[in-house]
Every structure is written in C-alpha cells, then in structure tokens.
Amino acid sequence: IRDKRQNTVQQLGQIEGQVHLMHQQIEKK
C-alpha cells in the first residue's frame, strides 16, 4: 500500500506540475 501511495503521490505531483506549467503557458500567451 505504501508503494502504491508513493506511486500515486508521484503521479499527482506530475499532474500538478503539468497544470502549473499549462497556467504559465496560457498566461505567457
């Protein structure tokens, strides 16, 4: 379960990073 949680946290972090990057791209455009 801890391994699964670690993987989920890692995926969630990746999605949040992509959302933040997308916001930056829209604002930049």
mmCIF file of all heavy atoms, coordinates in Angstrom:
data_MODEL
# 
_entry.id   MODEL 
# 
loop_
_atom_site.group_PDB 
_atom_site.id 
_atom_site.type_symbol 
_atom_site.label_atom_id 
_atom_site.label_alt_id 
_atom_site.label_comp_id 
_atom_site.label_asym_id 
_atom_site.label_entity_id 
_atom_site.label_seq_id 
_atom_site.pdbx_PDB_ins_code 
_atom_site.Cartn_x 
_atom_site.Cartn_y 
_atom_site.Cartn_z 
_atom_site.occupancy 
_atom_site.B_iso_or_equiv 
_atom_site.pdbx_formal_charge 
_atom_site.auth_seq_id 
_atom_site.auth_comp_id 
_atom_site.auth_asym_id 
_atom_site.auth_atom_id 
_atom_site.pdbx_PDB_model_num 
ATOM 1   N N   . ILE A 1 1  ? 0.840  -1.209 0.000   1.00 0.00 ? 1  ILE A N   1 
ATOM 2   C CA  . ILE A 1 1  ? 0.000  0.000  0.000   1.00 0.00 ? 1  ILE A CA  1 
ATOM 3   C C   . ILE A 1 1  ? 0.867  1.246  0.000   1.00 0.00 ? 1  ILE A C   1 
ATOM 4   O O   . ILE A 1 1  ? 0.583  2.234  -0.696  1.00 0.00 ? 1  ILE A O   1 
ATOM 5   C CB  . ILE A 1 1  ? -0.952 -0.026 1.219   1.00 0.00 ? 1  ILE A CB  1 
ATOM 6   C CG1 . ILE A 1 1  ? -1.993 -1.146 1.046   1.00 0.00 ? 1  ILE A CG1 1 
ATOM 7   C CG2 . ILE A 1 1  ? -1.653 1.314  1.401   1.00 0.00 ? 1  ILE A CG2 1 
ATOM 8   C CD1 . ILE A 1 1  ? -2.853 -1.378 2.269   1.00 0.00 ? 1  ILE A CD1 1 
ATOM 9   N N   . ARG A 1 2  ? 1.955  1.211  0.778   1.00 0.00 ? 2  ARG A N   1 
ATOM 10  C CA  . ARG A 1 2  ? 2.843  2.375  0.805   1.00 0.00 ? 2  ARG A CA  1 
ATOM 11  C C   . ARG A 1 2  ? 3.506  2.608  -0.550  1.00 0.00 ? 2  ARG A C   1 
ATOM 12  O O   . ARG A 1 2  ? 3.655  3.750  -0.993  1.00 0.00 ? 2  ARG A O   1 
ATOM 13  C CB  . ARG A 1 2  ? 3.902  2.186  1.895   1.00 0.00 ? 2  ARG A CB  1 
ATOM 14  C CG  . ARG A 1 2  ? 3.345  2.360  3.292   1.00 0.00 ? 2  ARG A CG  1 
ATOM 15  C CD  . ARG A 1 2  ? 4.389  2.079  4.350   1.00 0.00 ? 2  ARG A CD  1 
ATOM 16  N NE  . ARG A 1 2  ? 3.856  2.346  5.688   1.00 0.00 ? 2  ARG A NE  1 
ATOM 17  C CZ  . ARG A 1 2  ? 4.516  2.048  6.816   1.00 0.00 ? 2  ARG A CZ  1 
ATOM 18  N NH1 . ARG A 1 2  ? 5.721  1.489  6.751   1.00 0.00 ? 2  ARG A NH1 1 
ATOM 19  N NH2 . ARG A 1 2  ? 3.969  2.323  7.988   1.00 0.00 ? 2  ARG A NH2 1 
ATOM 20  N N   . ASP A 1 3  ? 3.883  1.519  -1.210  1.00 0.00 ? 3  ASP A N   1 
ATOM 21  C CA  . ASP A 1 3  ? 4.444  1.678  -2.551  1.00 0.00 ? 3  ASP A CA  1 
ATOM 22  C C   . ASP A 1 3  ? 3.412  2.281  -3.502  1.00 0.00 ? 3  ASP A C   1 
ATOM 23  O O   . ASP A 1 3  ? 3.725  3.163  -4.313  1.00 0.00 ? 3  ASP A O   1 
ATOM 24  C CB  . ASP A 1 3  ? 4.909  0.315  -3.079  1.00 0.00 ? 3  ASP A CB  1 
ATOM 25  C CG  . ASP A 1 3  ? 6.093  -0.216 -2.295  1.00 0.00 ? 3  ASP A CG  1 
ATOM 26  O OD1 . ASP A 1 3  ? 6.764  0.588  -1.629  1.00 0.00 ? 3  ASP A OD1 1 
ATOM 27  O OD2 . ASP A 1 3  ? 6.337  -1.447 -2.337  1.00 0.00 ? 3  ASP A OD2 1 
ATOM 28  N N   . LYS A 1 4  ? 2.124  1.779  -3.377  1.00 0.00 ? 4  LYS A N   1 
ATOM 29  C CA  . LYS A 1 4  ? 1.068  2.311  -4.244  1.00 0.00 ? 4  LYS A CA  1 
ATOM 30  C C   . LYS A 1 4  ? 0.834  3.792  -3.942  1.00 0.00 ? 4  LYS A C   1 
ATOM 31  O O   . LYS A 1 4  ? 0.648  4.618  -4.858  1.00 0.00 ? 4  LYS A O   1 
ATOM 32  C CB  . LYS A 1 4  ? -0.215 1.504  -4.030  1.00 0.00 ? 4  LYS A CB  1 
ATOM 33  C CG  . LYS A 1 4  ? -1.316 1.831  -5.039  1.00 0.00 ? 4  LYS A CG  1 
ATOM 34  C CD  . LYS A 1 4  ? -2.598 1.086  -4.692  1.00 0.00 ? 4  LYS A CD  1 
ATOM 35  C CE  . LYS A 1 4  ? -2.401 -0.425 -4.815  1.00 0.00 ? 4  LYS A CE  1 
ATOM 36  N NZ  . LYS A 1 4  ? -3.669 -1.151 -4.538  1.00 0.00 ? 4  LYS A NZ  1 
ATOM 37  N N   . ARG A 1 5  ? 0.845  4.138  -2.637  1.00 0.00 ? 5  ARG A N   1 
ATOM 38  C CA  . ARG A 1 5  ? 0.646  5.547  -2.270  1.00 0.00 ? 5  ARG A CA  1 
ATOM 39  C C   . ARG A 1 5  ? 1.779  6.413  -2.807  1.00 0.00 ? 5  ARG A C   1 
ATOM 40  O O   . ARG A 1 5  ? 1.577  7.509  -3.324  1.00 0.00 ? 5  ARG A O   1 
ATOM 41  C CB  . ARG A 1 5  ? 0.584  5.678  -0.744  1.00 0.00 ? 5  ARG A CB  1 
ATOM 42  C CG  . ARG A 1 5  ? 0.250  7.102  -0.275  1.00 0.00 ? 5  ARG A CG  1 
ATOM 43  C CD  . ARG A 1 5  ? 0.490  7.233  1.209   1.00 0.00 ? 5  ARG A CD  1 
ATOM 44  N NE  . ARG A 1 5  ? 1.928  7.083  1.492   1.00 0.00 ? 5  ARG A NE  1 
ATOM 45  C CZ  . ARG A 1 5  ? 2.462  7.164  2.706   1.00 0.00 ? 5  ARG A CZ  1 
ATOM 46  N NH1 . ARG A 1 5  ? 1.689  7.356  3.765   1.00 0.00 ? 5  ARG A NH1 1 
ATOM 47  N NH2 . ARG A 1 5  ? 3.746  7.034  2.863   1.00 0.00 ? 5  ARG A NH2 1 
ATOM 48  N N   . GLN A 1 6  ? 2.997  5.872  -2.730  1.00 0.00 ? 6  GLN A N   1 
ATOM 49  C CA  . GLN A 1 6  ? 4.139  6.636  -3.229  1.00 0.00 ? 6  GLN A CA  1 
ATOM 50  C C   . GLN A 1 6  ? 4.012  6.884  -4.730  1.00 0.00 ? 6  GLN A C   1 
ATOM 51  O O   . GLN A 1 6  ? 4.262  7.988  -5.218  1.00 0.00 ? 6  GLN A O   1 
ATOM 52  C CB  . GLN A 1 6  ? 5.446  5.877  -2.921  1.00 0.00 ? 6  GLN A CB  1 
ATOM 53  C CG  . GLN A 1 6  ? 6.704  6.630  -3.288  1.00 0.00 ? 6  GLN A CG  1 
ATOM 54  C CD  . GLN A 1 6  ? 6.918  7.849  -2.416  1.00 0.00 ? 6  GLN A CD  1 
ATOM 55  O OE1 . GLN A 1 6  ? 6.398  7.922  -1.301  1.00 0.00 ? 6  GLN A OE1 1 
ATOM 56  N NE2 . GLN A 1 6  ? 7.622  8.820  -2.954  1.00 0.00 ? 6  GLN A NE2 1 
ATOM 57  N N   . ASN A 1 7  ? 3.585  5.842  -5.458  1.00 0.00 ? 7  ASN A N   1 
ATOM 58  C CA  . ASN A 1 7  ? 3.408  5.996  -6.907  1.00 0.00 ? 7  ASN A CA  1 
ATOM 59  C C   . ASN A 1 7  ? 2.314  7.006  -7.213  1.00 0.00 ? 7  ASN A C   1 
ATOM 60  O O   . ASN A 1 7  ? 2.428  7.829  -8.136  1.00 0.00 ? 7  ASN A O   1 
ATOM 61  C CB  . ASN A 1 7  ? 3.076  4.647  -7.534  1.00 0.00 ? 7  ASN A CB  1 
ATOM 62  C CG  . ASN A 1 7  ? 4.238  3.681  -7.451  1.00 0.00 ? 7  ASN A CG  1 
ATOM 63  O OD1 . ASN A 1 7  ? 5.397  4.109  -7.421  1.00 0.00 ? 7  ASN A OD1 1 
ATOM 64  N ND2 . ASN A 1 7  ? 3.956  2.389  -7.405  1.00 0.00 ? 7  ASN A ND2 1 
ATOM 65  N N   . THR A 1 8  ? 1.183  6.951  -6.420  1.00 0.00 ? 8  THR A N   1 
ATOM 66  C CA  . THR A 1 8  ? 0.069  7.886  -6.657  1.00 0.00 ? 8  THR A CA  1 
ATOM 67  C C   . THR A 1 8  ? 0.502  9.314  -6.373  1.00 0.00 ? 8  THR A C   1 
ATOM 68  O O   . THR A 1 8  ? 0.166  10.243 -7.118  1.00 0.00 ? 8  THR A O   1 
ATOM 69  C CB  . THR A 1 8  ? -1.126 7.497  -5.763  1.00 0.00 ? 8  THR A CB  1 
ATOM 70  O OG1 . THR A 1 8  ? -1.472 6.131  -6.009  1.00 0.00 ? 8  THR A OG1 1 
ATOM 71  C CG2 . THR A 1 8  ? -2.336 8.356  -6.061  1.00 0.00 ? 8  THR A CG2 1 
ATOM 72  N N   . VAL A 1 9  ? 1.227  9.490  -5.250  1.00 0.00 ? 9  VAL A N   1 
ATOM 73  C CA  . VAL A 1 9  ? 1.721  10.839 -4.921  1.00 0.00 ? 9  VAL A CA  1 
ATOM 74  C C   . VAL A 1 9  ? 2.636  11.351 -6.024  1.00 0.00 ? 9  VAL A C   1 
ATOM 75  O O   . VAL A 1 9  ? 2.588  12.523 -6.404  1.00 0.00 ? 9  VAL A O   1 
ATOM 76  C CB  . VAL A 1 9  ? 2.458  10.810 -3.564  1.00 0.00 ? 9  VAL A CB  1 
ATOM 77  C CG1 . VAL A 1 9  ? 3.193  12.120 -3.327  1.00 0.00 ? 9  VAL A CG1 1 
ATOM 78  C CG2 . VAL A 1 9  ? 1.463  10.552 -2.436  1.00 0.00 ? 9  VAL A CG2 1 
ATOM 79  N N   . GLN A 1 10 ? 3.461  10.449 -6.558  1.00 0.00 ? 10 GLN A N   1 
ATOM 80  C CA  . GLN A 1 10 ? 4.366  10.850 -7.635  1.00 0.00 ? 10 GLN A CA  1 
ATOM 81  C C   . GLN A 1 10 ? 3.577  11.263 -8.879  1.00 0.00 ? 10 GLN A C   1 
ATOM 82  O O   . GLN A 1 10 ? 3.873  12.283 -9.503  1.00 0.00 ? 10 GLN A O   1 
ATOM 83  C CB  . GLN A 1 10 ? 5.321  9.687  -7.949  1.00 0.00 ? 10 GLN A CB  1 
ATOM 84  C CG  . GLN A 1 10 ? 6.403  10.058 -8.944  1.00 0.00 ? 10 GLN A CG  1 
ATOM 85  C CD  . GLN A 1 10 ? 7.364  8.911  -9.155  1.00 0.00 ? 10 GLN A CD  1 
ATOM 86  O OE1 . GLN A 1 10 ? 7.193  7.863  -8.554  1.00 0.00 ? 10 GLN A OE1 1 
ATOM 87  N NE2 . GLN A 1 10 ? 8.354  9.123  -9.986  1.00 0.00 ? 10 GLN A NE2 1 
ATOM 88  N N   . GLN A 1 11 ? 2.526  10.482 -9.246  1.00 0.00 ? 11 GLN A N   1 
ATOM 89  C CA  . GLN A 1 11 ? 1.706  10.831 -10.417 1.00 0.00 ? 11 GLN A CA  1 
ATOM 90  C C   . GLN A 1 11 ? 0.970  12.140 -10.185 1.00 0.00 ? 11 GLN A C   1 
ATOM 91  O O   . GLN A 1 11 ? 0.868  12.984 -11.081 1.00 0.00 ? 11 GLN A O   1 
ATOM 92  C CB  . GLN A 1 11 ? 0.718  9.703  -10.711 1.00 0.00 ? 11 GLN A CB  1 
ATOM 93  C CG  . GLN A 1 11 ? 1.392  8.412  -11.179 1.00 0.00 ? 11 GLN A CG  1 
ATOM 94  C CD  . GLN A 1 11 ? 0.399  7.278  -11.370 1.00 0.00 ? 11 GLN A CD  1 
ATOM 95  O OE1 . GLN A 1 11 ? -0.810 7.471  -11.203 1.00 0.00 ? 11 GLN A OE1 1 
ATOM 96  N NE2 . GLN A 1 11 ? 0.910  6.101  -11.710 1.00 0.00 ? 11 GLN A NE2 1 
ATOM 97  N N   . LEU A 1 12 ? 0.398  12.320 -8.950  1.00 0.00 ? 12 LEU A N   1 
ATOM 98  C CA  . LEU A 1 12 ? -0.316 13.563 -8.638  1.00 0.00 ? 12 LEU A CA  1 
ATOM 99  C C   . LEU A 1 12 ? 0.627  14.766 -8.729  1.00 0.00 ? 12 LEU A C   1 
ATOM 100 O O   . LEU A 1 12 ? 0.252  15.829 -9.235  1.00 0.00 ? 12 LEU A O   1 
ATOM 101 C CB  . LEU A 1 12 ? -0.919 13.464 -7.228  1.00 0.00 ? 12 LEU A CB  1 
ATOM 102 C CG  . LEU A 1 12 ? -1.757 14.680 -6.758  1.00 0.00 ? 12 LEU A CG  1 
ATOM 103 C CD1 . LEU A 1 12 ? -2.919 14.924 -7.716  1.00 0.00 ? 12 LEU A CD1 1 
ATOM 104 C CD2 . LEU A 1 12 ? -2.278 14.450 -5.334  1.00 0.00 ? 12 LEU A CD2 1 
ATOM 105 N N   . GLY A 1 13 ? 1.865  14.562 -8.256  1.00 0.00 ? 13 GLY A N   1 
ATOM 106 C CA  . GLY A 1 13 ? 2.837  15.650 -8.361  1.00 0.00 ? 13 GLY A CA  1 
ATOM 107 C C   . GLY A 1 13 ? 3.129  16.004 -9.814  1.00 0.00 ? 13 GLY A C   1 
ATOM 108 O O   . GLY A 1 13 ? 3.274  17.175 -10.170 1.00 0.00 ? 13 GLY A O   1 
ATOM 109 N N   . GLN A 1 14 ? 3.240  14.942 -10.648 1.00 0.00 ? 14 GLN A N   1 
ATOM 110 C CA  . GLN A 1 14 ? 3.471  15.207 -12.073 1.00 0.00 ? 14 GLN A CA  1 
ATOM 111 C C   . GLN A 1 14 ? 2.321  15.988 -12.694 1.00 0.00 ? 14 GLN A C   1 
ATOM 112 O O   . GLN A 1 14 ? 2.523  16.929 -13.471 1.00 0.00 ? 14 GLN A O   1 
ATOM 113 C CB  . GLN A 1 14 ? 3.682  13.887 -12.813 1.00 0.00 ? 14 GLN A CB  1 
ATOM 114 C CG  . GLN A 1 14 ? 4.963  13.164 -12.429 1.00 0.00 ? 14 GLN A CG  1 
ATOM 115 C CD  . GLN A 1 14 ? 5.092  11.820 -13.116 1.00 0.00 ? 14 GLN A CD  1 
ATOM 116 O OE1 . GLN A 1 14 ? 4.169  11.424 -13.834 1.00 0.00 ? 14 GLN A OE1 1 
ATOM 117 N NE2 . GLN A 1 14 ? 6.189  11.149 -12.889 1.00 0.00 ? 14 GLN A NE2 1 
ATOM 118 N N   . ILE A 1 15 ? 1.026  15.602 -12.343 1.00 0.00 ? 15 ILE A N   1 
ATOM 119 C CA  . ILE A 1 15 ? -0.150 16.304 -12.904 1.00 0.00 ? 15 ILE A CA  1 
ATOM 120 C C   . ILE A 1 15 ? -0.162 17.750 -12.428 1.00 0.00 ? 15 ILE A C   1 
ATOM 121 O O   . ILE A 1 15 ? -0.430 18.676 -13.209 1.00 0.00 ? 15 ILE A O   1 
ATOM 122 C CB  . ILE A 1 15 ? -1.435 15.565 -12.501 1.00 0.00 ? 15 ILE A CB  1 
ATOM 123 C CG1 . ILE A 1 15 ? -1.485 14.192 -13.212 1.00 0.00 ? 15 ILE A CG1 1 
ATOM 124 C CG2 . ILE A 1 15 ? -2.671 16.383 -12.851 1.00 0.00 ? 15 ILE A CG2 1 
ATOM 125 C CD1 . ILE A 1 15 ? -2.609 13.297 -12.741 1.00 0.00 ? 15 ILE A CD1 1 
ATOM 126 N N   . GLU A 1 16 ? 0.099  17.969 -11.139 1.00 0.00 ? 16 GLU A N   1 
ATOM 127 C CA  . GLU A 1 16 ? 0.112  19.337 -10.629 1.00 0.00 ? 16 GLU A CA  1 
ATOM 128 C C   . GLU A 1 16 ? 1.190  20.169 -11.329 1.00 0.00 ? 16 GLU A C   1 
ATOM 129 O O   . GLU A 1 16 ? 0.988  21.345 -11.640 1.00 0.00 ? 16 GLU A O   1 
ATOM 130 C CB  . GLU A 1 16 ? 0.363  19.333 -9.123  1.00 0.00 ? 16 GLU A CB  1 
ATOM 131 C CG  . GLU A 1 16 ? -0.824 18.795 -8.323  1.00 0.00 ? 16 GLU A CG  1 
ATOM 132 C CD  . GLU A 1 16 ? -0.519 18.728 -6.837  1.00 0.00 ? 16 GLU A CD  1 
ATOM 133 O OE1 . GLU A 1 16 ? 0.657  18.959 -6.486  1.00 0.00 ? 16 GLU A OE1 1 
ATOM 134 O OE2 . GLU A 1 16 ? -1.438 18.441 -6.052  1.00 0.00 ? 16 GLU A OE2 1 
ATOM 135 N N   . GLY A 1 17 ? 2.330  19.528 -11.587 1.00 0.00 ? 17 GLY A N   1 
ATOM 136 C CA  . GLY A 1 17 ? 3.371  20.257 -12.308 1.00 0.00 ? 17 GLY A CA  1 
ATOM 137 C C   . GLY A 1 17 ? 2.927  20.632 -13.716 1.00 0.00 ? 17 GLY A C   1 
ATOM 138 O O   . GLY A 1 17 ? 3.184  21.737 -14.199 1.00 0.00 ? 17 GLY A O   1 
ATOM 139 N N   . GLN A 1 18 ? 2.220  19.674 -14.382 1.00 0.00 ? 18 GLN A N   1 
ATOM 140 C CA  . GLN A 1 18 ? 1.732  19.969 -15.735 1.00 0.00 ? 18 GLN A CA  1 
ATOM 141 C C   . GLN A 1 18 ? 0.687  21.076 -15.706 1.00 0.00 ? 18 GLN A C   1 
ATOM 142 O O   . GLN A 1 18 ? 0.652  21.943 -16.591 1.00 0.00 ? 18 GLN A O   1 
ATOM 143 C CB  . GLN A 1 18 ? 1.159  18.692 -16.360 1.00 0.00 ? 18 GLN A CB  1 
ATOM 144 C CG  . GLN A 1 18 ? 2.212  17.638 -16.652 1.00 0.00 ? 18 GLN A CG  1 
ATOM 145 C CD  . GLN A 1 18 ? 1.609  16.354 -17.191 1.00 0.00 ? 18 GLN A CD  1 
ATOM 146 O OE1 . GLN A 1 18 ? 0.383  16.251 -17.342 1.00 0.00 ? 18 GLN A OE1 1 
ATOM 147 N NE2 . GLN A 1 18 ? 2.464  15.389 -17.474 1.00 0.00 ? 18 GLN A NE2 1 
ATOM 148 N N   . VAL A 1 19 ? -0.250 21.063 -14.686 1.00 0.00 ? 19 VAL A N   1 
ATOM 149 C CA  . VAL A 1 19 ? -1.275 22.123 -14.573 1.00 0.00 ? 19 VAL A CA  1 
ATOM 150 C C   . VAL A 1 19 ? -0.606 23.476 -14.379 1.00 0.00 ? 19 VAL A C   1 
ATOM 151 O O   . VAL A 1 19 ? -0.966 24.472 -15.015 1.00 0.00 ? 19 VAL A O   1 
ATOM 152 C CB  . VAL A 1 19 ? -2.224 21.797 -13.404 1.00 0.00 ? 19 VAL A CB  1 
ATOM 153 C CG1 . VAL A 1 19 ? -3.126 23.002 -13.090 1.00 0.00 ? 19 VAL A CG1 1 
ATOM 154 C CG2 . VAL A 1 19 ? -3.085 20.586 -13.736 1.00 0.00 ? 19 VAL A CG2 1 
ATOM 155 N N   . HIS A 1 20 ? 0.424  23.486 -13.476 1.00 0.00 ? 20 HIS A N   1 
ATOM 156 C CA  . HIS A 1 20 ? 1.114  24.742 -13.240 1.00 0.00 ? 20 HIS A CA  1 
ATOM 157 C C   . HIS A 1 20 ? 1.811  25.239 -14.505 1.00 0.00 ? 20 HIS A C   1 
ATOM 158 O O   . HIS A 1 20 ? 1.771  26.427 -14.846 1.00 0.00 ? 20 HIS A O   1 
ATOM 159 C CB  . HIS A 1 20 ? 2.129  24.548 -12.112 1.00 0.00 ? 20 HIS A CB  1 
ATOM 160 C CG  . HIS A 1 20 ? 2.904  25.787 -11.754 1.00 0.00 ? 20 HIS A CG  1 
ATOM 161 N ND1 . HIS A 1 20 ? 2.320  26.898 -11.172 1.00 0.00 ? 20 HIS A ND1 1 
ATOM 162 C CD2 . HIS A 1 20 ? 4.223  26.078 -11.937 1.00 0.00 ? 20 HIS A CD2 1 
ATOM 163 C CE1 . HIS A 1 20 ? 3.233  27.824 -11.009 1.00 0.00 ? 20 HIS A CE1 1 
ATOM 164 N NE2 . HIS A 1 20 ? 4.409  27.338 -11.456 1.00 0.00 ? 20 HIS A NE2 1 
ATOM 165 N N   . LEU A 1 21 ? 2.394  24.272 -15.241 1.00 0.00 ? 21 LEU A N   1 
ATOM 166 C CA  . LEU A 1 21 ? 3.052  24.642 -16.490 1.00 0.00 ? 21 LEU A CA  1 
ATOM 167 C C   . LEU A 1 21 ? 2.064  25.167 -17.510 1.00 0.00 ? 21 LEU A C   1 
ATOM 168 O O   . LEU A 1 21 ? 2.333  26.131 -18.233 1.00 0.00 ? 21 LEU A O   1 
ATOM 169 C CB  . LEU A 1 21 ? 3.808  23.414 -17.032 1.00 0.00 ? 21 LEU A CB  1 
ATOM 170 C CG  . LEU A 1 21 ? 4.558  23.626 -18.341 1.00 0.00 ? 21 LEU A CG  1 
ATOM 171 C CD1 . LEU A 1 21 ? 5.634  24.700 -18.179 1.00 0.00 ? 21 LEU A CD1 1 
ATOM 172 C CD2 . LEU A 1 21 ? 5.169  22.301 -18.819 1.00 0.00 ? 21 LEU A CD2 1 
ATOM 173 N N   . MET A 1 22 ? 0.858  24.539 -17.558 1.00 0.00 ? 22 MET A N   1 
ATOM 174 C CA  . MET A 1 22 ? -0.169 24.982 -18.515 1.00 0.00 ? 22 MET A CA  1 
ATOM 175 C C   . MET A 1 22 ? -0.649 26.394 -18.170 1.00 0.00 ? 22 MET A C   1 
ATOM 176 O O   . MET A 1 22 ? -0.851 27.227 -19.056 1.00 0.00 ? 22 MET A O   1 
ATOM 177 C CB  . MET A 1 22 ? -1.326 23.982 -18.519 1.00 0.00 ? 22 MET A CB  1 
ATOM 178 C CG  . MET A 1 22 ? -2.317 24.210 -19.646 1.00 0.00 ? 22 MET A CG  1 
ATOM 179 S SD  . MET A 1 22 ? -1.494 24.128 -21.268 1.00 0.00 ? 22 MET A SD  1 
ATOM 180 C CE  . MET A 1 22 ? -0.980 22.434 -21.263 1.00 0.00 ? 22 MET A CE  1 
ATOM 181 N N   . HIS A 1 23 ? -0.850 26.674 -16.865 1.00 0.00 ? 23 HIS A N   1 
ATOM 182 C CA  . HIS A 1 23 ? -1.224 28.023 -16.442 1.00 0.00 ? 23 HIS A CA  1 
ATOM 183 C C   . HIS A 1 23 ? -0.163 29.034 -16.889 1.00 0.00 ? 23 HIS A C   1 
ATOM 184 O O   . HIS A 1 23 ? -0.489 30.128 -17.382 1.00 0.00 ? 23 HIS A O   1 
ATOM 185 C CB  . HIS A 1 23 ? -1.388 28.070 -14.918 1.00 0.00 ? 23 HIS A CB  1 
ATOM 186 C CG  . HIS A 1 23 ? -2.744 27.582 -14.439 1.00 0.00 ? 23 HIS A CG  1 
ATOM 187 N ND1 . HIS A 1 23 ? -3.926 28.227 -14.725 1.00 0.00 ? 23 HIS A ND1 1 
ATOM 188 C CD2 . HIS A 1 23 ? -3.078 26.485 -13.700 1.00 0.00 ? 23 HIS A CD2 1 
ATOM 189 C CE1 . HIS A 1 23 ? -4.947 27.572 -14.181 1.00 0.00 ? 23 HIS A CE1 1 
ATOM 190 N NE2 . HIS A 1 23 ? -4.448 26.485 -13.546 1.00 0.00 ? 23 HIS A NE2 1 
ATOM 191 N N   . GLN A 1 24 ? 1.087  28.643 -16.712 1.00 0.00 ? 24 GLN A N   1 
ATOM 192 C CA  . GLN A 1 24 ? 2.158  29.555 -17.115 1.00 0.00 ? 24 GLN A CA  1 
ATOM 193 C C   . GLN A 1 24 ? 2.144  29.794 -18.618 1.00 0.00 ? 24 GLN A C   1 
ATOM 194 O O   . GLN A 1 24 ? 2.340  30.914 -19.087 1.00 0.00 ? 24 GLN A O   1 
ATOM 195 C CB  . GLN A 1 24 ? 3.507  28.980 -16.689 1.00 0.00 ? 24 GLN A CB  1 
ATOM 196 C CG  . GLN A 1 24 ? 3.763  29.026 -15.189 1.00 0.00 ? 24 GLN A CG  1 
ATOM 197 C CD  . GLN A 1 24 ? 5.124  28.465 -14.822 1.00 0.00 ? 24 GLN A CD  1 
ATOM 198 O OE1 . GLN A 1 24 ? 5.774  27.865 -15.673 1.00 0.00 ? 24 GLN A OE1 1 
ATOM 199 N NE2 . GLN A 1 24 ? 5.527  28.677 -13.579 1.00 0.00 ? 24 GLN A NE2 1 
ATOM 200 N N   . GLN A 1 25 ? 1.873  28.711 -19.384 1.00 0.00 ? 25 GLN A N   1 
ATOM 201 C CA  . GLN A 1 25 ? 1.824  28.876 -20.835 1.00 0.00 ? 25 GLN A CA  1 
ATOM 202 C C   . GLN A 1 25 ? 0.682  29.802 -21.265 1.00 0.00 ? 25 GLN A C   1 
ATOM 203 O O   . GLN A 1 25 ? 0.848  30.650 -22.141 1.00 0.00 ? 25 GLN A O   1 
ATOM 204 C CB  . GLN A 1 25 ? 1.692  27.510 -21.513 1.00 0.00 ? 25 GLN A CB  1 
ATOM 205 C CG  . GLN A 1 25 ? 2.942  26.650 -21.384 1.00 0.00 ? 25 GLN A CG  1 
ATOM 206 C CD  . GLN A 1 25 ? 2.772  25.292 -22.040 1.00 0.00 ? 25 GLN A CD  1 
ATOM 207 O OE1 . GLN A 1 25 ? 1.676  24.972 -22.523 1.00 0.00 ? 25 GLN A OE1 1 
ATOM 208 N NE2 . GLN A 1 25 ? 3.839  24.515 -22.035 1.00 0.00 ? 25 GLN A NE2 1 
ATOM 209 N N   . ILE A 1 26 ? -0.526 29.587 -20.642 1.00 0.00 ? 26 ILE A N   1 
ATOM 210 C CA  . ILE A 1 26 ? -1.671 30.446 -21.002 1.00 0.00 ? 26 ILE A CA  1 
ATOM 211 C C   . ILE A 1 26 ? -1.370 31.895 -20.655 1.00 0.00 ? 26 ILE A C   1 
ATOM 212 O O   . ILE A 1 26 ? -1.585 32.821 -21.451 1.00 0.00 ? 26 ILE A O   1 
ATOM 213 C CB  . ILE A 1 26 ? -2.943 29.955 -20.284 1.00 0.00 ? 26 ILE A CB  1 
ATOM 214 C CG1 . ILE A 1 26 ? -3.356 28.573 -20.849 1.00 0.00 ? 26 ILE A CG1 1 
ATOM 215 C CG2 . ILE A 1 26 ? -4.079 30.959 -20.430 1.00 0.00 ? 26 ILE A CG2 1 
ATOM 216 C CD1 . ILE A 1 26 ? -4.470 27.917 -20.070 1.00 0.00 ? 26 ILE A CD1 1 
ATOM 217 N N   . GLU A 1 27 ? -0.843 32.126 -19.448 1.00 0.00 ? 27 GLU A N   1 
ATOM 218 C CA  . GLU A 1 27 ? -0.534 33.488 -19.019 1.00 0.00 ? 27 GLU A CA  1 
ATOM 219 C C   . GLU A 1 27 ? 0.524  34.114 -19.910 1.00 0.00 ? 27 GLU A C   1 
ATOM 220 O O   . GLU A 1 27 ? 0.448  35.289 -20.290 1.00 0.00 ? 27 GLU A O   1 
ATOM 221 C CB  . GLU A 1 27 ? -0.060 33.467 -17.569 1.00 0.00 ? 27 GLU A CB  1 
ATOM 222 C CG  . GLU A 1 27 ? 0.169  34.859 -16.997 1.00 0.00 ? 27 GLU A CG  1 
ATOM 223 C CD  . GLU A 1 27 ? 0.586  34.774 -15.535 1.00 0.00 ? 27 GLU A CD  1 
ATOM 224 O OE1 . GLU A 1 27 ? 0.600  33.654 -14.967 1.00 0.00 ? 27 GLU A OE1 1 
ATOM 225 O OE2 . GLU A 1 27 ? 0.904  35.835 -14.958 1.00 0.00 ? 27 GLU A OE2 1 
ATOM 226 N N   . LYS A 1 28 ? 1.495  33.296 -20.293 1.00 0.00 ? 28 LYS A N   1 
ATOM 227 C CA  . LYS A 1 28 ? 2.540  33.798 -21.160 1.00 0.00 ? 28 LYS A CA  1 
ATOM 228 C C   . LYS A 1 28 ? 1.993  34.172 -22.522 1.00 0.00 ? 28 LYS A C   1 
ATOM 229 O O   . LYS A 1 28 ? 2.349  35.199 -23.106 1.00 0.00 ? 28 LYS A O   1 
ATOM 230 C CB  . LYS A 1 28 ? 3.639  32.726 -21.285 1.00 0.00 ? 28 LYS A CB  1 
ATOM 231 C CG  . LYS A 1 28 ? 4.833  33.180 -22.092 1.00 0.00 ? 28 LYS A CG  1 
ATOM 232 C CD  . LYS A 1 28 ? 5.884  32.081 -22.117 1.00 0.00 ? 28 LYS A CD  1 
ATOM 233 C CE  . LYS A 1 28 ? 7.093  32.517 -22.914 1.00 0.00 ? 28 LYS A CE  1 
ATOM 234 N NZ  . LYS A 1 28 ? 8.117  31.449 -22.982 1.00 0.00 ? 28 LYS A NZ  1 
ATOM 235 N N   . LYS A 1 29 ? 1.085  33.320 -23.059 1.00 0.00 ? 29 LYS A N   1 
ATOM 236 C CA  . LYS A 1 29 ? 0.493  33.598 -24.377 1.00 0.00 ? 29 LYS A CA  1 
ATOM 237 C C   . LYS A 1 29 ? -0.345 34.852 -24.346 1.00 0.00 ? 29 LYS A C   1 
ATOM 238 O O   . LYS A 1 29 ? -0.315 35.698 -25.252 1.00 0.00 ? 29 LYS A O   1 
ATOM 239 C CB  . LYS A 1 29 ? -0.332 32.391 -24.818 1.00 0.00 ? 29 LYS A CB  1 
ATOM 240 C CG  . LYS A 1 29 ? -0.757 32.450 -26.266 1.00 0.00 ? 29 LYS A CG  1 
ATOM 241 C CD  . LYS A 1 29 ? -1.384 31.126 -26.680 1.00 0.00 ? 29 LYS A CD  1 
ATOM 242 C CE  . LYS A 1 29 ? -1.724 31.133 -28.162 1.00 0.00 ? 29 LYS A CE  1 
ATOM 243 N NZ  . LYS A 1 29 ? -2.349 29.864 -28.581 1.00 0.00 ? 29 LYS A NZ  1 
# 
